[in-house]
Protein backbone atom coordinates (compact mmCIF):
# COMPACT_ATOMS: atom_id res chain seq x y z
CA MET A 1 35.62 44.75 228.81
CA PRO A 2 38.91 45.01 230.72
CA GLY A 3 39.46 42.12 233.10
CA ALA A 4 36.69 39.99 231.57
CA ASP A 5 39.01 37.04 230.98
CA ARG A 6 40.23 37.23 234.58
CA ALA A 7 36.64 37.38 235.88
CA GLU A 8 35.58 34.43 233.75
CA SER A 9 38.43 32.30 235.02
CA ALA A 10 37.89 33.53 238.57
CA ALA A 11 34.21 32.62 238.36
CA GLN A 12 35.05 28.93 238.01
CA PRO A 13 34.07 26.91 241.06
CA LEU A 14 36.65 26.96 243.80
CA ALA A 15 38.36 23.61 244.02
CA PRO A 16 40.41 22.51 247.02
CA GLU A 17 42.36 20.08 244.82
CA VAL A 18 44.27 23.02 243.30
CA ALA A 19 47.94 22.63 244.23
CA GLU A 20 49.07 24.81 247.11
CA GLY A 21 50.87 27.90 245.90
CA ALA A 22 54.02 29.05 247.62
CA GLY A 23 52.68 32.59 247.88
CA THR A 24 49.17 31.78 249.13
CA PRO A 25 48.44 33.82 252.26
CA ALA A 26 47.28 32.28 255.52
CA ARG A 27 43.54 32.39 256.13
CA ALA A 28 44.09 34.71 259.12
CA GLU A 29 45.84 37.23 256.85
CA VAL A 30 42.96 37.13 254.36
CA GLU A 31 40.37 37.40 257.13
CA ALA A 32 42.15 40.50 258.46
CA LEU A 33 41.88 42.10 255.00
CA LEU A 34 38.17 41.22 254.67
CA TYR A 35 37.41 42.50 258.18
CA ARG A 36 39.26 45.72 257.39
CA GLU A 37 37.27 46.08 254.17
CA ALA A 38 34.00 45.62 256.09
CA ARG A 39 35.01 48.16 258.74
CA LEU A 40 36.02 50.75 256.14
CA LEU A 41 32.67 50.38 254.38
CA ASP A 42 30.74 50.59 257.65
CA GLU A 43 32.65 53.73 258.64
CA ARG A 44 32.06 55.23 255.17
CA ARG A 45 35.80 55.50 254.59
CA PHE A 46 35.29 54.79 250.91
CA GLU A 47 38.55 56.24 249.63
CA GLU A 48 40.52 53.96 251.98
CA TRP A 49 38.31 51.05 250.89
CA LEU A 50 39.08 51.79 247.24
CA ALA A 51 42.80 51.76 248.06
CA LEU A 52 42.37 48.04 248.91
CA PHE A 53 41.79 47.39 245.18
CA THR A 54 44.42 46.97 242.50
CA PRO A 55 44.44 49.66 239.76
CA ASP A 56 42.76 47.14 237.42
CA GLY A 57 40.39 45.93 240.14
CA ARG A 58 36.82 44.97 239.35
CA TYR A 59 33.71 45.03 241.55
CA LEU A 60 30.89 42.86 240.23
CA ILE A 61 27.36 42.15 241.44
CA PRO A 62 25.72 39.84 238.87
CA ALA A 63 21.98 40.17 238.41
CA GLY A 64 21.59 36.49 237.64
CA ASP A 65 23.61 33.33 237.31
CA THR A 66 25.92 34.58 234.58
CA GLU A 67 28.61 37.26 234.52
CA ASP A 68 28.42 37.81 230.78
CA PRO A 69 27.15 41.36 230.11
CA GLU A 70 26.12 40.24 226.61
CA VAL A 71 23.66 37.77 228.17
CA GLU A 72 22.41 39.61 231.23
CA PRO A 73 23.03 43.04 232.77
CA ALA A 74 24.75 43.26 236.14
CA ILE A 75 23.55 45.15 239.21
CA ALA A 76 27.08 46.60 239.31
CA ASP A 77 30.11 45.97 237.14
CA ASP A 78 32.65 48.61 238.12
CA ASP A 79 36.31 49.09 237.36
CA HIS A 80 38.55 51.37 239.44
CA ASP A 81 37.46 54.55 237.63
CA THR A 82 33.76 53.68 237.96
CA LEU A 83 34.23 52.99 241.68
CA GLU A 84 35.83 56.43 242.05
CA ASP A 85 32.76 57.95 240.36
CA ARG A 86 30.43 55.94 242.62
CA ILE A 87 32.28 57.19 245.72
CA HIS A 88 32.13 60.78 244.45
CA ARG A 89 28.36 60.45 244.03
CA LEU A 90 27.99 58.95 247.53
CA ARG A 91 29.88 61.95 248.94
CA SER A 92 27.91 64.53 246.97
CA PRO A 93 25.44 66.62 249.01
CA VAL A 94 23.02 66.56 246.07
CA THR A 95 22.75 62.76 245.98
CA TRP A 96 19.18 62.48 247.23
CA ALA A 97 19.24 58.66 247.09
CA GLN A 98 21.69 58.67 250.02
CA SER A 99 20.30 61.57 252.02
CA PRO A 100 20.42 60.70 254.82
CA PRO A 101 23.27 58.25 254.23
CA SER A 102 22.81 54.55 254.91
CA ARG A 103 24.28 53.10 258.08
CA THR A 104 25.62 49.61 257.49
CA VAL A 105 27.07 46.65 259.31
CA HIS A 106 28.99 44.07 257.28
CA VAL A 107 29.34 40.60 258.79
CA VAL A 108 31.93 38.40 257.07
CA GLY A 109 32.41 34.68 257.61
CA GLY A 110 33.07 31.30 256.04
CA VAL A 111 36.42 32.41 254.64
CA GLU A 112 38.23 29.84 252.50
CA VAL A 113 41.51 30.51 250.67
CA TRP A 114 42.90 28.75 247.60
CA PRO A 115 45.87 29.44 245.33
CA GLY A 116 45.02 31.65 242.39
CA LEU A 117 45.21 31.04 238.69
CA ALA A 118 48.23 33.34 238.42
CA PRO A 119 51.43 33.05 240.50
CA ALA A 120 50.93 36.16 242.68
CA GLU A 121 47.19 35.65 243.22
CA CYS A 122 44.87 33.72 245.49
CA ARG A 123 41.14 33.04 245.38
CA VAL A 124 38.94 33.58 248.40
CA HIS A 125 35.39 32.46 249.04
CA ALA A 126 33.49 34.13 251.87
CA THR A 127 29.93 34.72 252.96
CA ALA A 128 28.62 38.10 253.97
CA VAL A 129 25.51 39.64 255.44
CA VAL A 130 25.06 43.39 255.13
CA TYR A 131 22.55 45.19 257.31
CA GLU A 132 21.48 48.62 256.11
CA SER A 133 19.50 51.15 258.13
CA ARG A 134 18.14 54.23 256.45
CA GLY A 135 15.01 56.31 256.75
CA GLY A 136 13.60 54.25 259.62
CA GLN A 137 13.89 50.96 257.76
CA THR A 138 16.39 48.14 258.10
CA ARG A 139 17.20 45.72 255.29
CA SER A 140 19.55 42.78 255.07
CA PHE A 141 21.46 41.36 252.13
CA ALA A 142 23.10 37.93 252.24
CA ALA A 143 25.74 37.02 249.70
CA ARG A 144 28.42 34.61 248.64
CA CYS A 145 31.55 36.51 247.71
CA LEU A 146 34.45 35.53 245.52
CA TYR A 147 37.63 37.54 245.73
CA VAL A 148 40.76 37.35 243.67
CA LEU A 149 43.57 38.86 245.72
CA ARG A 150 46.88 39.88 244.20
CA ARG A 151 50.19 40.28 246.02
CA VAL A 152 51.62 43.80 245.75
CA GLU A 153 54.98 45.12 246.84
CA GLU A 154 53.99 48.60 248.04
CA GLY A 155 51.87 49.86 250.91
CA ASP A 156 50.88 48.44 254.25
CA THR A 157 48.64 45.74 252.76
CA PRO A 158 50.58 43.00 250.93
CA TRP A 159 47.41 41.73 249.24
CA ARG A 160 44.96 43.82 247.21
CA ILE A 161 41.58 43.05 245.71
CA ALA A 162 41.77 42.37 241.95
CA LEU A 163 38.16 41.12 241.83
CA LYS A 164 35.24 41.21 244.22
CA ARG A 165 32.20 39.31 242.99
CA VAL A 166 29.13 39.57 245.22
CA LEU A 167 26.46 36.98 244.45
CA LEU A 168 23.39 38.20 246.33
CA VAL A 169 21.06 35.49 247.56
CA ASN A 170 18.04 37.71 246.83
CA ARG A 171 19.31 39.04 243.48
CA ASP A 172 16.08 37.91 241.79
CA GLN A 173 13.95 40.17 244.02
CA PRO A 174 13.51 43.96 243.90
CA LEU A 175 16.57 45.64 245.44
CA PHE A 176 15.21 49.17 245.79
CA ASN A 177 17.82 51.93 246.06
CA LEU A 178 20.93 49.78 246.29
CA THR A 179 23.17 52.87 246.20
CA PHE A 180 25.52 52.03 249.04
CA LEU A 181 28.46 49.68 248.54
CA LEU A 182 28.14 46.03 249.51
């Protein structure tokens, strides 16, 4: 699977004893990116959200404690092309699972930034709570998130998401109709 080596190394516990990298962004810069990501998802601006990812970006929601697809399937394990397909399905008028569409609020906090394992990357740990309202019901999903951000030279955002790993607190419980993006 493309990016599996990067995900495995990125899944290692974050350690503050990693030497500071010269290119590591300030926490405020990373927080601004994560807040923008949350706002884009809440406003259903999925194409703009996808533009926050690198072309080889990966979006992973493990179903258990491992990220190895040979051991355990994931709730989502999407590359850039699969995310494009997911967005197309969310936009489709015949997608009954999102009719009416979910309304969400993403709350991001606990942001910590460390140098990455590659020179132009950093690792970010954050917590998130996503509230979803749809069909008269409201659900909440709490998660610990690991990001690998990569510095890019083009565009208005100097850092892009190379990996977003969402470790849901309630991943061992039924997650009925989890068709919106976390």
